[in-house]
PDB file of N, CA and C in Angstrom:
ATOM      1  N   UNK A   1    -112.840  30.936  85.605  1.00  0.00           N
ATOM      2  CA  UNK A   1    -113.552  30.005  84.766  1.00  0.00           C
ATOM      3  C   UNK A   1    -115.032  30.033  85.154  1.00  0.00           C
ATOM      4  N   UNK A   2    -115.910  30.141  84.164  1.00  0.00           N
ATOM      5  CA  UNK A   2    -117.356  30.135  84.406  1.00  0.00           C
ATOM      6  C   UNK A   2    -117.879  28.714  84.420  1.00  0.00           C
ATOM      7  N   UNK A   3    -118.444  28.330  85.529  1.00  0.00           N
ATOM      8  CA  UNK A   3    -119.054  27.015  85.659  1.00  0.00           C
ATOM      9  C   UNK A   3    -120.560  27.201  85.571  1.00  0.00           C
ATOM     10  N   UNK A   4    -121.236  26.464  84.653  1.00  0.00           N
ATOM     11  CA  UNK A   4    -122.680  26.638  84.561  1.00  0.00           C
ATOM     12  C   UNK A   4    -123.369  26.226  85.863  1.00  0.00           C
ATOM     13  N   UNK A   5    -124.304  27.048  86.285  1.00  0.00           N
ATOM     14  CA  UNK A   5    -125.031  26.747  87.512  1.00  0.00           C
ATOM     15  C   UNK A   5    -126.211  25.846  87.191  1.00  0.00           C
ATOM     16  N   UNK A   6    -126.546  25.016  88.150  1.00  0.00           N
ATOM     17  CA  UNK A   6    -127.696  24.129  88.009  1.00  0.00           C
ATOM     18  C   UNK A   6    -128.964  24.965  87.954  1.00  0.00           C
ATOM     19  N   UNK A   7    -129.818  24.665  87.006  1.00  0.00           N
ATOM     20  CA  UNK A   7    -131.100  25.344  86.870  1.00  0.00           C
ATOM     21  C   UNK A   7    -131.989  24.971  88.060  1.00  0.00           C
ATOM     22  N   UNK A   8    -132.531  25.942  88.776  1.00  0.00           N
ATOM     23  CA  UNK A   8    -133.371  25.608  89.935  1.00  0.00           C
ATOM     24  C   UNK A   8    -134.721  25.053  89.483  1.00  0.00           C
ATOM     25  N   UNK A   9    -135.244  24.127  90.238  1.00  0.00           N
ATOM     26  CA  UNK A   9    -136.558  23.558  89.959  1.00  0.00           C
ATOM     27  C   UNK A   9    -137.613  24.607  90.286  1.00  0.00           C
ATOM     28  N   UNK A  10    -138.574  24.830  89.387  1.00  0.00           N
ATOM     29  CA  UNK A  10    -139.582  25.877  89.626  1.00  0.00           C
ATOM     30  C   UNK A  10    -140.655  25.519  90.642  1.00  0.00           C
ATOM     31  N   UNK A  11    -140.680  24.277  91.122  1.00  0.00           N
ATOM     32  CA  UNK A  11    -141.636  23.890  92.165  1.00  0.00           C
ATOM     33  C   UNK A  11    -140.862  23.264  93.320  1.00  0.00           C
ATOM     34  N   UNK A  12    -141.511  23.130  94.450  1.00  0.00           N
ATOM     35  CA  UNK A  12    -140.880  22.523  95.623  1.00  0.00           C
ATOM     36  C   UNK A  12    -140.520  21.062  95.324  1.00  0.00           C
ATOM     37  N   UNK A  13    -139.455  20.592  95.950  1.00  0.00           N
ATOM     38  CA  UNK A  13    -138.994  19.225  95.730  1.00  0.00           C
ATOM     39  C   UNK A  13    -140.071  18.188  96.023  1.00  0.00           C
ATOM     40  N   UNK A  14    -140.878  18.428  97.060  1.00  0.00           N
ATOM     41  CA  UNK A  14    -141.913  17.440  97.390  1.00  0.00           C
ATOM     42  C   UNK A  14    -142.992  17.379  96.312  1.00  0.00           C
ATOM     43  N   UNK A  15    -143.287  18.500  95.655  1.00  0.00           N
ATOM     44  CA  UNK A  15    -144.265  18.514  94.561  1.00  0.00           C
ATOM     45  C   UNK A  15    -143.704  17.730  93.373  1.00  0.00           C
ATOM     46  N   UNK A  16    -142.443  17.963  93.049  1.00  0.00           N
ATOM     47  CA  UNK A  16    -141.801  17.229  91.956  1.00  0.00           C
ATOM     48  C   UNK A  16    -141.765  15.735  92.274  1.00  0.00           C
ATOM     49  N   UNK A  17    -141.475  15.384  93.515  1.00  0.00           N
ATOM     50  CA  UNK A  17    -141.460  13.981  93.923  1.00  0.00           C
ATOM     51  C   UNK A  17    -142.826  13.337  93.779  1.00  0.00           C
ATOM     52  N   UNK A  18    -143.873  14.062  94.139  1.00  0.00           N
ATOM     53  CA  UNK A  18    -145.239  13.542  93.982  1.00  0.00           C
ATOM     54  C   UNK A  18    -145.561  13.314  92.512  1.00  0.00           C
ATOM     55  N   UNK A  19    -145.119  14.227  91.656  1.00  0.00           N
ATOM     56  CA  UNK A  19    -145.352  14.066  90.216  1.00  0.00           C
ATOM     57  C   UNK A  19    -144.612  12.849  89.683  1.00  0.00           C
ATOM     58  N   UNK A  20    -143.403  12.655  90.158  1.00  0.00           N
ATOM     59  CA  UNK A  20    -142.580  11.531  89.706  1.00  0.00           C
ATOM     60  C   UNK A  20    -143.226  10.198  90.076  1.00  0.00           C
ATOM     61  N   UNK A  21    -143.841  10.138  91.237  1.00  0.00           N
ATOM     62  CA  UNK A  21    -144.436   8.888  91.727  1.00  0.00           C
ATOM     63  C   UNK A  21    -145.903   8.722  91.340  1.00  0.00           C
ATOM     64  N   UNK A  22    -146.515   9.740  90.765  1.00  0.00           N
ATOM     65  CA  UNK A  22    -147.950   9.732  90.504  1.00  0.00           C
ATOM     66  C   UNK A  22    -148.340   8.791  89.365  1.00  0.00           C
ATOM     67  N   UNK A  23    -149.553   8.316  89.447  1.00  0.00           N
ATOM     68  CA  UNK A  23    -150.165   7.578  88.340  1.00  0.00           C
ATOM     69  C   UNK A  23    -150.479   8.601  87.247  1.00  0.00           C
ATOM     70  N   UNK A  24    -150.804   8.151  86.043  1.00  0.00           N
ATOM     71  CA  UNK A  24    -151.139   9.123  84.983  1.00  0.00           C
ATOM     72  C   UNK A  24    -152.262  10.082  85.375  1.00  0.00           C
ATOM     73  N   UNK A  25    -153.330   9.565  85.996  1.00  0.00           N
ATOM     74  CA  UNK A  25    -154.422  10.452  86.416  1.00  0.00           C
ATOM     75  C   UNK A  25    -153.978  11.385  87.533  1.00  0.00           C
ATOM     76  N   UNK A  26    -153.186  10.866  88.458  1.00  0.00           N
ATOM     77  CA  UNK A  26    -152.669  11.689  89.544  1.00  0.00           C
ATOM     78  C   UNK A  26    -151.755  12.781  89.031  1.00  0.00           C
ATOM     79  N   UNK A  27    -150.968  12.462  88.002  1.00  0.00           N
ATOM     80  CA  UNK A  27    -150.073  13.466  87.414  1.00  0.00           C
ATOM     81  C   UNK A  27    -150.897  14.580  86.788  1.00  0.00           C
ATOM     82  N   UNK A  28    -151.953  14.227  86.077  1.00  0.00           N
ATOM     83  CA  UNK A  28    -152.812  15.258  85.475  1.00  0.00           C
ATOM     84  C   UNK A  28    -153.392  16.183  86.547  1.00  0.00           C
ATOM     85  N   UNK A  29    -153.815  15.591  87.664  1.00  0.00           N
ATOM     86  CA  UNK A  29    -154.386  16.389  88.750  1.00  0.00           C
ATOM     87  C   UNK A  29    -153.342  17.313  89.359  1.00  0.00           C
ATOM     88  N   UNK A  30    -152.141  16.806  89.588  1.00  0.00           N
ATOM     89  CA  UNK A  30    -151.077  17.634  90.170  1.00  0.00           C
ATOM     90  C   UNK A  30    -150.677  18.762  89.228  1.00  0.00           C
ATOM     91  N   UNK A  31    -150.567  18.469  87.949  1.00  0.00           N
ATOM     92  CA  UNK A  31    -150.181  19.490  86.966  1.00  0.00           C
ATOM     93  C   UNK A  31    -151.208  20.608  86.935  1.00  0.00           C
ATOM     94  N   UNK A  32    -152.466  20.269  87.094  1.00  0.00           N
ATOM     95  CA  UNK A  32    -153.535  21.277  87.066  1.00  0.00           C
ATOM     96  C   UNK A  32    -153.434  22.257  88.228  1.00  0.00           C
ATOM     97  N   UNK A  33    -152.735  21.886  89.304  1.00  0.00           N
ATOM     98  CA  UNK A  33    -152.616  22.775  90.465  1.00  0.00           C
ATOM     99  C   UNK A  33    -151.478  23.790  90.320  1.00  0.00           C
ATOM    100  N   UNK A  34    -150.645  23.614  89.310  1.00  0.00           N
ATOM    101  CA  UNK A  34    -149.491  24.498  89.120  1.00  0.00           C
ATOM    102  C   UNK A  34    -149.900  25.662  88.214  1.00  0.00           C
ATOM    103  N   UNK A  35    -149.601  26.910  88.600  1.00  0.00           N
ATOM    104  CA  UNK A  35    -149.940  28.070  87.765  1.00  0.00           C
ATOM    105  C   UNK A  35    -149.316  27.954  86.369  1.00  0.00           C
ATOM    106  N   UNK A  36    -149.960  28.535  85.345  1.00  0.00           N
ATOM    107  CA  UNK A  36    -149.526  28.353  83.952  1.00  0.00           C
ATOM    108  C   UNK A  36    -148.049  28.633  83.664  1.00  0.00           C
ATOM    109  N   UNK A  37    -147.505  29.741  84.135  1.00  0.00           N
ATOM    110  CA  UNK A  37    -146.092  30.040  83.827  1.00  0.00           C
ATOM    111  C   UNK A  37    -145.154  29.094  84.570  1.00  0.00           C
ATOM    112  N   UNK A  38    -145.480  28.777  85.820  1.00  0.00           N
ATOM    113  CA  UNK A  38    -144.667  27.805  86.562  1.00  0.00           C
ATOM    114  C   UNK A  38    -144.751  26.442  85.896  1.00  0.00           C
ATOM    115  N   UNK A  39    -145.924  26.097  85.350  1.00  0.00           N
ATOM    116  CA  UNK A  39    -146.112  24.835  84.637  1.00  0.00           C
ATOM    117  C   UNK A  39    -145.200  24.779  83.408  1.00  0.00           C
ATOM    118  N   UNK A  40    -145.138  25.874  82.674  1.00  0.00           N
ATOM    119  CA  UNK A  40    -144.270  25.923  81.489  1.00  0.00           C
ATOM    120  C   UNK A  40    -142.797  25.787  81.895  1.00  0.00           C
ATOM    121  N   UNK A  41    -142.404  26.494  82.952  1.00  0.00           N
ATOM    122  CA  UNK A  41    -141.017  26.389  83.423  1.00  0.00           C
ATOM    123  C   UNK A  41    -140.712  24.968  83.895  1.00  0.00           C
ATOM    124  N   UNK A  42    -141.672  24.333  84.559  1.00  0.00           N
ATOM    125  CA  UNK A  42    -141.489  22.966  85.034  1.00  0.00           C
ATOM    126  C   UNK A  42    -141.395  21.995  83.861  1.00  0.00           C
ATOM    127  N   UNK A  43    -142.191  22.202  82.830  1.00  0.00           N
ATOM    128  CA  UNK A  43    -142.128  21.354  81.635  1.00  0.00           C
ATOM    129  C   UNK A  43    -140.740  21.417  81.010  1.00  0.00           C
ATOM    130  N   UNK A  44    -140.194  22.611  80.907  1.00  0.00           N
ATOM    131  CA  UNK A  44    -138.856  22.785  80.340  1.00  0.00           C
ATOM    132  C   UNK A  44    -137.816  22.153  81.254  1.00  0.00           C
ATOM    133  N   UNK A  45    -137.916  22.394  82.543  1.00  0.00           N
ATOM    134  CA  UNK A  45    -136.982  21.833  83.526  1.00  0.00           C
ATOM    135  C   UNK A  45    -136.944  20.311  83.419  1.00  0.00           C
ATOM    136  N   UNK A  46    -138.116  19.684  83.418  1.00  0.00           N
ATOM    137  CA  UNK A  46    -138.178  18.222  83.387  1.00  0.00           C
ATOM    138  C   UNK A  46    -137.722  17.665  82.044  1.00  0.00           C
ATOM    139  N   UNK A  47    -138.080  18.333  80.967  1.00  0.00           N
ATOM    140  CA  UNK A  47    -137.737  17.821  79.638  1.00  0.00           C
ATOM    141  C   UNK A  47    -136.231  17.803  79.391  1.00  0.00           C
ATOM    142  N   UNK A  48    -135.485  18.592  80.132  1.00  0.00           N
ATOM    143  CA  UNK A  48    -134.019  18.644  79.968  1.00  0.00           C
ATOM    144  C   UNK A  48    -133.290  17.588  80.791  1.00  0.00           C
ATOM    145  N   UNK A  49    -134.031  16.758  81.492  1.00  0.00           N
ATOM    146  CA  UNK A  49    -133.442  15.702  82.321  1.00  0.00           C
ATOM    147  C   UNK A  49    -133.981  14.355  81.851  1.00  0.00           C
ATOM    148  N   UNK A  50    -133.084  13.455  81.504  1.00  0.00           N
ATOM    149  CA  UNK A  50    -133.479  12.182  80.898  1.00  0.00           C
ATOM    150  C   UNK A  50    -134.502  11.434  81.748  1.00  0.00           C
ATOM    151  N   UNK A  51    -134.303  11.375  83.042  1.00  0.00           N
ATOM    152  CA  UNK A  51    -135.207  10.609  83.897  1.00  0.00           C
ATOM    153  C   UNK A  51    -136.554  11.294  84.127  1.00  0.00           C
ATOM    154  N   UNK A  52    -136.669  12.560  83.747  1.00  0.00           N
ATOM    155  CA  UNK A  52    -137.927  13.301  83.919  1.00  0.00           C
ATOM    156  C   UNK A  52    -138.536  13.730  82.580  1.00  0.00           C
ATOM    157  N   UNK A  53    -137.925  13.313  81.473  1.00  0.00           N
ATOM    158  CA  UNK A  53    -138.348  13.783  80.156  1.00  0.00           C
ATOM    159  C   UNK A  53    -139.812  13.498  79.869  1.00  0.00           C
ATOM    160  N   UNK A  54    -140.273  12.298  80.135  1.00  0.00           N
ATOM    161  CA  UNK A  54    -141.666  11.968  79.823  1.00  0.00           C
ATOM    162  C   UNK A  54    -142.627  12.769  80.702  1.00  0.00           C
ATOM    163  N   UNK A  55    -142.220  13.059  81.931  1.00  0.00           N
ATOM    164  CA  UNK A  55    -143.049  13.913  82.788  1.00  0.00           C
ATOM    165  C   UNK A  55    -143.068  15.334  82.223  1.00  0.00           C
ATOM    166  N   UNK A  56    -141.932  15.788  81.725  1.00  0.00           N
ATOM    167  CA  UNK A  56    -141.864  17.100  81.092  1.00  0.00           C
ATOM    168  C   UNK A  56    -142.815  17.213  79.911  1.00  0.00           C
ATOM    169  N   UNK A  57    -142.890  16.154  79.100  1.00  0.00           N
ATOM    170  CA  UNK A  57    -143.814  16.156  77.967  1.00  0.00           C
ATOM    171  C   UNK A  57    -145.265  16.167  78.441  1.00  0.00           C
ATOM    172  N   UNK A  58    -145.552  15.429  79.506  1.00  0.00           N
ATOM    173  CA  UNK A  58    -146.905  15.415  80.050  1.00  0.00           C
ATOM    174  C   UNK A  58    -147.292  16.804  80.560  1.00  0.00           C
ATOM    175  N   UNK A  59    -146.365  17.473  81.205  1.00  0.00           N
ATOM    176  CA  UNK A  59    -146.634  18.819  81.716  1.00  0.00           C
ATOM    177  C   UNK A  59    -146.778  19.792  80.549  1.00  0.00           C
ATOM    178  N   UNK A  60    -145.938  19.641  79.532  1.00  0.00           N
ATOM    179  CA  UNK A  60    -146.025  20.511  78.353  1.00  0.00           C
ATOM    180  C   UNK A  60    -147.358  20.327  77.633  1.00  0.00           C
ATOM    181  N   UNK A  61    -147.900  19.105  77.667  1.00  0.00           N
ATOM    182  CA  UNK A  61    -149.190  18.869  76.996  1.00  0.00           C
ATOM    183  C   UNK A  61    -150.326  19.616  77.691  1.00  0.00           C
ATOM    184  N   UNK A  62    -150.114  20.012  78.938  1.00  0.00           N
ATOM    185  CA  UNK A  62    -151.116  20.782  79.678  1.00  0.00           C
ATOM    186  C   UNK A  62    -150.763  22.270  79.705  1.00  0.00           C
ATOM    187  N   UNK A  63    -149.758  22.660  78.909  1.00  0.00           N
ATOM    188  CA  UNK A  63    -149.307  24.057  78.883  1.00  0.00           C
ATOM    189  C   UNK A  63    -149.682  24.714  77.569  1.00  0.00           C
ATOM    190  N   UNK A  64    -149.815  26.034  77.605  1.00  0.00           N
ATOM    191  CA  UNK A  64    -150.120  26.810  76.403  1.00  0.00           C
ATOM    192  C   UNK A  64    -148.836  27.056  75.618  1.00  0.00           C
ATOM    193  N   UNK A  65    -148.959  27.073  74.297  1.00  0.00           N
ATOM    194  CA  UNK A  65    -147.812  27.339  73.429  1.00  0.00           C
ATOM    195  C   UNK A  65    -147.139  28.651  73.804  1.00  0.00           C
ATOM    196  N   UNK A  66    -147.932  29.680  74.049  1.00  0.00           N
ATOM    197  CA  UNK A  66    -147.373  31.002  74.375  1.00  0.00           C
ATOM    198  C   UNK A  66    -146.534  30.961  75.652  1.00  0.00           C
ATOM    199  N   UNK A  67    -147.011  30.228  76.655  1.00  0.00           N
ATOM    200  CA  UNK A  67    -146.260  30.128  77.912  1.00  0.00           C
ATOM    201  C   UNK A  67    -144.938  29.390  77.705  1.00  0.00           C
ATOM    202  N   UNK A  68    -144.978  28.309  76.946  1.00  0.00           N
ATOM    203  CA  UNK A  68    -143.740  27.547  76.685  1.00  0.00           C
ATOM    204  C   UNK A  68    -142.757  28.372  75.867  1.00  0.00           C
ATOM    205  N   UNK A  69    -143.251  29.116  74.872  1.00  0.00           N
ATOM    206  CA  UNK A  69    -142.368  29.954  74.059  1.00  0.00           C
ATOM    207  C   UNK A  69    -141.809  31.121  74.861  1.00  0.00           C
ATOM    208  N   UNK A  70    -142.609  31.700  75.736  1.00  0.00           N
ATOM    209  CA  UNK A  70    -142.115  32.786  76.577  1.00  0.00           C
ATOM    210  C   UNK A  70    -141.030  32.269  77.518  1.00  0.00           C
ATOM    211  N   UNK A  71    -141.182  31.035  77.986  1.00  0.00           N
ATOM    212  CA  UNK A  71    -140.230  30.443  78.924  1.00  0.00           C
ATOM    213  C   UNK A  71    -138.944  30.000  78.239  1.00  0.00           C
ATOM    214  N   UNK A  72    -139.076  29.378  77.056  1.00  0.00           N
ATOM    215  CA  UNK A  72    -137.896  28.759  76.446  1.00  0.00           C
ATOM    216  C   UNK A  72    -137.751  29.022  74.951  1.00  0.00           C
ATOM    217  N   UNK A  73    -138.436  30.007  74.420  1.00  0.00           N
ATOM    218  CA  UNK A  73    -138.268  30.366  73.012  1.00  0.00           C
ATOM    219  C   UNK A  73    -138.613  29.224  72.058  1.00  0.00           C
ATOM    220  N   UNK A  74    -137.726  28.999  71.077  1.00  0.00           N
ATOM    221  CA  UNK A  74    -137.973  27.943  70.083  1.00  0.00           C
ATOM    222  C   UNK A  74    -138.023  26.565  70.718  1.00  0.00           C
ATOM    223  N   UNK A  75    -137.209  26.367  71.747  1.00  0.00           N
ATOM    224  CA  UNK A  75    -137.238  25.074  72.442  1.00  0.00           C
ATOM    225  C   UNK A  75    -138.628  24.838  73.053  1.00  0.00           C
ATOM    226  N   UNK A  76    -139.240  25.862  73.592  1.00  0.00           N
ATOM    227  CA  UNK A  76    -140.586  25.745  74.141  1.00  0.00           C
ATOM    228  C   UNK A  76    -141.598  25.372  73.074  1.00  0.00           C
ATOM    229  N   UNK A  77    -141.445  25.952  71.878  1.00  0.00           N
ATOM    230  CA  UNK A  77    -142.329  25.603  70.763  1.00  0.00           C
ATOM    231  C   UNK A  77    -142.156  24.155  70.336  1.00  0.00           C
ATOM    232  N   UNK A  78    -140.928  23.701  70.301  1.00  0.00           N
ATOM    233  CA  UNK A  78    -140.648  22.308  69.948  1.00  0.00           C
ATOM    234  C   UNK A  78    -141.195  21.372  71.020  1.00  0.00           C
ATOM    235  N   UNK A  79    -141.061  21.742  72.260  1.00  0.00           N
ATOM    236  CA  UNK A  79    -141.590  20.941  73.364  1.00  0.00           C
ATOM    237  C   UNK A  79    -143.120  20.849  73.261  1.00  0.00           C
ATOM    238  N   UNK A  80    -143.754  21.937  72.916  1.00  0.00           N
ATOM    239  CA  UNK A  80    -145.206  21.952  72.714  1.00  0.00           C
ATOM    240  C   UNK A  80    -145.588  20.962  71.610  1.00  0.00           C
ATOM    241  N   UNK A  81    -144.872  21.019  70.484  1.00  0.00           N
ATOM    242  CA  UNK A  81    -145.166  20.140  69.347  1.00  0.00           C
ATOM    243  C   UNK A  81    -144.982  18.674  69.740  1.00  0.00           C
ATOM    244  N   UNK A  82    -143.877  18.355  70.398  1.00  0.00           N
ATOM    245  CA  UNK A  82    -143.611  16.977  70.805  1.00  0.00           C
ATOM    246  C   UNK A  82    -144.672  16.468  71.784  1.00  0.00           C
ATOM    247  N   UNK A  83    -145.130  17.338  72.650  1.00  0.00           N
ATOM    248  CA  UNK A  83    -146.095  16.914  73.665  1.00  0.00           C
ATOM    249  C   UNK A  83    -147.453  16.573  73.062  1.00  0.00           C
ATOM    250  N   UNK A  84    -147.704  17.049  71.860  1.00  0.00           N
ATOM    251  CA  UNK A  84    -148.993  16.789  71.231  1.00  0.00           C
ATOM    252  C   UNK A  84    -148.940  15.664  70.200  1.00  0.00           C
ATOM    253  N   UNK A  85    -147.769  15.093  69.983  1.00  0.00           N
ATOM    254  CA  UNK A  85    -147.651  14.003  69.009  1.00  0.00           C
ATOM    255  C   UNK A  85    -148.297  12.725  69.519  1.00  0.00           C
ATOM    256  N   UNK A  86    -148.231  12.480  70.790  1.00  0.00           N
ATOM    257  CA  UNK A  86    -148.840  11.298  71.404  1.00  0.00           C
ATOM    258  C   UNK A  86    -149.123  11.653  72.855  1.00  0.00           C
ATOM    259  N   UNK A  87    -149.883  10.816  73.510  1.00  0.00           N
ATOM    260  CA  UNK A  87    -150.225  11.069  74.908  1.00  0.00           C
ATOM    261  C   UNK A  87    -149.002  10.801  75.775  1.00  0.00           C
ATOM    262  N   UNK A  88    -148.314  11.849  76.280  1.00  0.00           N
ATOM    263  CA  UNK A  88    -147.095  11.636  77.058  1.00  0.00           C
ATOM    264  C   UNK A  88    -147.335  10.924  78.378  1.00  0.00           C
ATOM    265  N   UNK A  89    -148.520  11.059  78.961  1.00  0.00           N
ATOM    266  CA  UNK A  89    -148.782  10.361  80.216  1.00  0.00           C
ATOM    267  C   UNK A  89    -148.843   8.861  79.958  1.00  0.00           C
ATOM    268  N   UNK A  90    -149.462   8.467  78.850  1.00  0.00           N
ATOM    269  CA  UNK A  90    -149.497   7.047  78.498  1.00  0.00           C
ATOM    270  C   UNK A  90    -148.081   6.546  78.210  1.00  0.00           C
ATOM    271  N   UNK A  91    -147.255   7.386  77.557  1.00  0.00           N
ATOM    272  CA  UNK A  91    -145.858   6.996  77.302  1.00  0.00           C
ATOM    273  C   UNK A  91    -145.115   6.828  78.605  1.00  0.00           C
ATOM    274  N   UNK A  92    -145.372   7.702  79.567  1.00  0.00           N
ATOM    275  CA  UNK A  92    -144.707   7.612  80.879  1.00  0.00           C
ATOM    276  C   UNK A  92    -145.081   6.301  81.556  1.00  0.00           C
ATOM    277  N   UNK A  93    -146.362   5.953  81.484  1.00  0.00           N
ATOM    278  CA  UNK A  93    -146.805   4.720  82.129  1.00  0.00           C
ATOM    279  C   UNK A  93    -146.173   3.502  81.461  1.00  0.00           C
ATOM    280  N   UNK A  94    -146.092   3.501  80.137  1.00  0.00           N
ATOM    281  CA  UNK A  94    -145.524   2.340  79.444  1.00  0.00           C
ATOM    282  C   UNK A  94    -144.004   2.320  79.542  1.00  0.00           C
ATOM    283  N   UNK A  95    -143.384   3.464  79.797  1.00  0.00           N
ATOM    284  CA  UNK A  95    -141.924   3.508  79.889  1.00  0.00           C
ATOM    285  C   UNK A  95    -141.421   2.960  81.216  1.00  0.00           C
ATOM    286  N   UNK A  96    -142.286   2.939  82.211  1.00  0.00           N
ATOM    287  CA  UNK A  96    -141.876   2.408  83.507  1.00  0.00           C
ATOM    288  C   UNK A  96    -141.674   0.906  83.380  1.00  0.00           C
ATOM    289  N   UNK A  97    -140.590   0.432  83.907  1.00  0.00           N
ATOM    290  CA  UNK A  97    -140.286  -0.987  83.821  1.00  0.00           C
ATOM    291  C   UNK A  97    -141.231  -1.793  84.695  1.00  0.00           C
ATOM    292  N   UNK A  98    -141.728  -2.851  84.108  1.00  0.00           N
ATOM    293  CA  UNK A  98    -142.593  -3.754  84.851  1.00  0.00           C
ATOM    294  C   UNK A  98    -141.723  -4.730  85.629  1.00  0.00           C
ATOM    295  N   UNK A  99    -142.145  -5.075  86.815  1.00  0.00           N
ATOM    296  CA  UNK A  99    -141.412  -6.017  87.643  1.00  0.00           C
ATOM    297  C   UNK A  99    -142.072  -7.373  87.492  1.00  0.00           C
ATOM    298  N   UNK A 100    -141.279  -8.373  87.163  1.00  0.00           N
ATOM    299  CA  UNK A 100    -141.803  -9.725  87.066  1.00  0.00           C
ATOM    300  C   UNK A 100    -141.020 -10.610  88.013  1.00  0.00           C
ATOM    301  N   UNK A 101    -141.696 -11.595  88.539  1.00  0.00           N
ATOM    302  CA  UNK A 101    -141.066 -12.526  89.457  1.00  0.00           C
ATOM    303  C   UNK A 101    -141.037 -13.894  88.814  1.00  0.00           C
ATOM    304  N   UNK A 102    -139.986 -14.614  89.054  1.00  0.00           N
ATOM    305  CA  UNK A 102    -139.843 -15.947  88.508  1.00  0.00           C
ATOM    306  C   UNK A 102    -140.827 -16.896  89.178  1.00  0.00           C
ATOM    307  N   UNK A 103    -141.339 -17.835  88.382  1.00  0.00           N
ATOM    308  CA  UNK A 103    -142.221 -18.860  88.935  1.00  0.00           C
ATOM    309  C   UNK A 103    -141.509 -20.207  89.016  1.00  0.00           C
ATOM    310  N   UNK A 104    -140.240 -20.224  88.590  1.00  0.00           N
ATOM    311  CA  UNK A 104    -139.471 -21.472  88.620  1.00  0.00           C
ATOM    312  C   UNK A 104    -139.080 -21.812  90.056  1.00  0.00           C
ATOM    313  N   UNK A 105    -138.882 -23.082  90.297  1.00  0.00           N
ATOM    314  CA  UNK A 105    -138.463 -23.538  91.617  1.00  0.00           C
ATOM    315  C   UNK A 105    -137.032 -23.065  91.875  1.00  0.00           C
ATOM    316  N   UNK A 106    -136.814 -22.635  93.095  1.00  0.00           N
ATOM    317  CA  UNK A 106    -135.468 -22.221  93.469  1.00  0.00           C
ATOM    318  C   UNK A 106    -134.560 -23.440  93.521  1.00  0.00           C
ATOM    319  N   UNK A 107    -133.306 -23.246  93.247  1.00  0.00           N
ATOM    320  CA  UNK A 107    -132.328 -24.321  93.268  1.00  0.00           C
ATOM    321  C   UNK A 107    -132.218 -24.898  94.682  1.00  0.00           C
ATOM    322  N   UNK A 108    -132.098 -26.213  94.760  1.00  0.00           N
ATOM    323  CA  UNK A 108    -131.903 -26.858  96.061  1.00  0.00           C
ATOM    324  C   UNK A 108    -130.453 -26.705  96.475  1.00  0.00           C
ATOM    325  N   UNK A 109    -130.261 -26.117  97.629  1.00  0.00           N
ATOM    326  CA  UNK A 109    -128.918 -25.946  98.166  1.00  0.00           C
ATOM    327  C   UNK A 109    -128.714 -26.956  99.286  1.00  0.00           C
ATOM    328  N   UNK A 110    -127.463 -27.428  99.459  1.00  0.00           N
ATOM    329  CA  UNK A 110    -127.207 -28.360 100.550  1.00  0.00           C
ATOM    330  C   UNK A 110    -127.463 -27.702 101.906  1.00  0.00           C
ATOM    331  N   UNK A 111    -127.771 -28.498 102.865  1.00  0.00           N
ATOM    332  CA  UNK A 111    -128.055 -28.011 104.195  1.00  0.00           C
ATOM    333  C   UNK A 111    -126.812 -27.336 104.774  1.00  0.00           C
ATOM    334  N   UNK A 112    -127.030 -26.378 105.620  1.00  0.00           N
ATOM    335  CA  UNK A 112    -125.919 -25.685 106.249  1.00  0.00           C
ATOM    336  C   UNK A 112    -125.436 -26.401 107.509  1.00  0.00           C
ATOM    337  N   UNK A 113    -126.145 -27.417 107.904  1.00  0.00           N
ATOM    338  CA  UNK A 113    -125.731 -28.178 109.081  1.00  0.00           C
ATOM    339  C   UNK A 113    -124.485 -28.990 108.729  1.00  0.00           C
ATOM    340  N   UNK A 114    -123.666 -29.257 109.743  1.00  0.00           N
ATOM    341  CA  UNK A 114    -122.452 -30.030 109.493  1.00  0.00           C
ATOM    342  C   UNK A 114    -122.818 -31.478 109.162  1.00  0.00           C
ATOM    343  N   UNK A 115    -122.163 -31.999 108.140  1.00  0.00           N
ATOM    344  CA  UNK A 115    -122.467 -33.382 107.772  1.00  0.00           C
ATOM    345  C   UNK A 115    -121.963 -34.350 108.852  1.00  0.00           C
ATOM    346  N   UNK A 116    -122.665 -35.431 108.994  1.00  0.00           N
ATOM    347  CA  UNK A 116    -122.243 -36.450 109.956  1.00  0.00           C
ATOM    348  C   UNK A 116    -121.265 -37.384 109.260  1.00  0.00           C
ATOM    349  N   UNK A 117    -120.228 -37.783 109.987  1.00  0.00           N
ATOM    350  CA  UNK A 117    -119.203 -38.664 109.426  1.00  0.00           C
ATOM    351  C   UNK A 117    -119.536 -40.092 109.871  1.00  0.00           C
ATOM    352  N   UNK A 118    -119.596 -40.977 108.938  1.00  0.00           N
ATOM    353  CA  UNK A 118    -119.857 -42.381 109.263  1.00  0.00           C
ATOM    354  C   UNK A 118    -118.648 -43.216 108.912  1.00  0.00           C
ATOM    355  N   UNK A 119    -118.299 -44.160 109.782  1.00  0.00           N
ATOM    356  CA  UNK A 119    -117.157 -45.017 109.513  1.00  0.00           C
ATOM    357  C   UNK A 119    -117.544 -46.440 109.599  1.00  0.00           C
TER     358      UNK A 119
END
């Protein structure tokens, strides 16, 4: 039985981790350090994973159509088109969940000390 093998990431894990954690400007700077063909392969790699899709679009927006098509054929062309429909880095920033903290008073809980018995 043929089991599909996992597609290897075209960049080192620490580089991908930095991209995942980067701000939009930081992501642009990191993407610029990746050679064009590796950038296209990384765009395709990320776009095929739900949690990295928006990063894949951001990387594709910095890639040439020819590089994406050479890497992934028609899928590369479609990725190129999608990456230019809107600013993917801005989408990545807005897609991240914002953390909010409650300002309401916490519920009063009874003391953990043993109650005194009065008779």
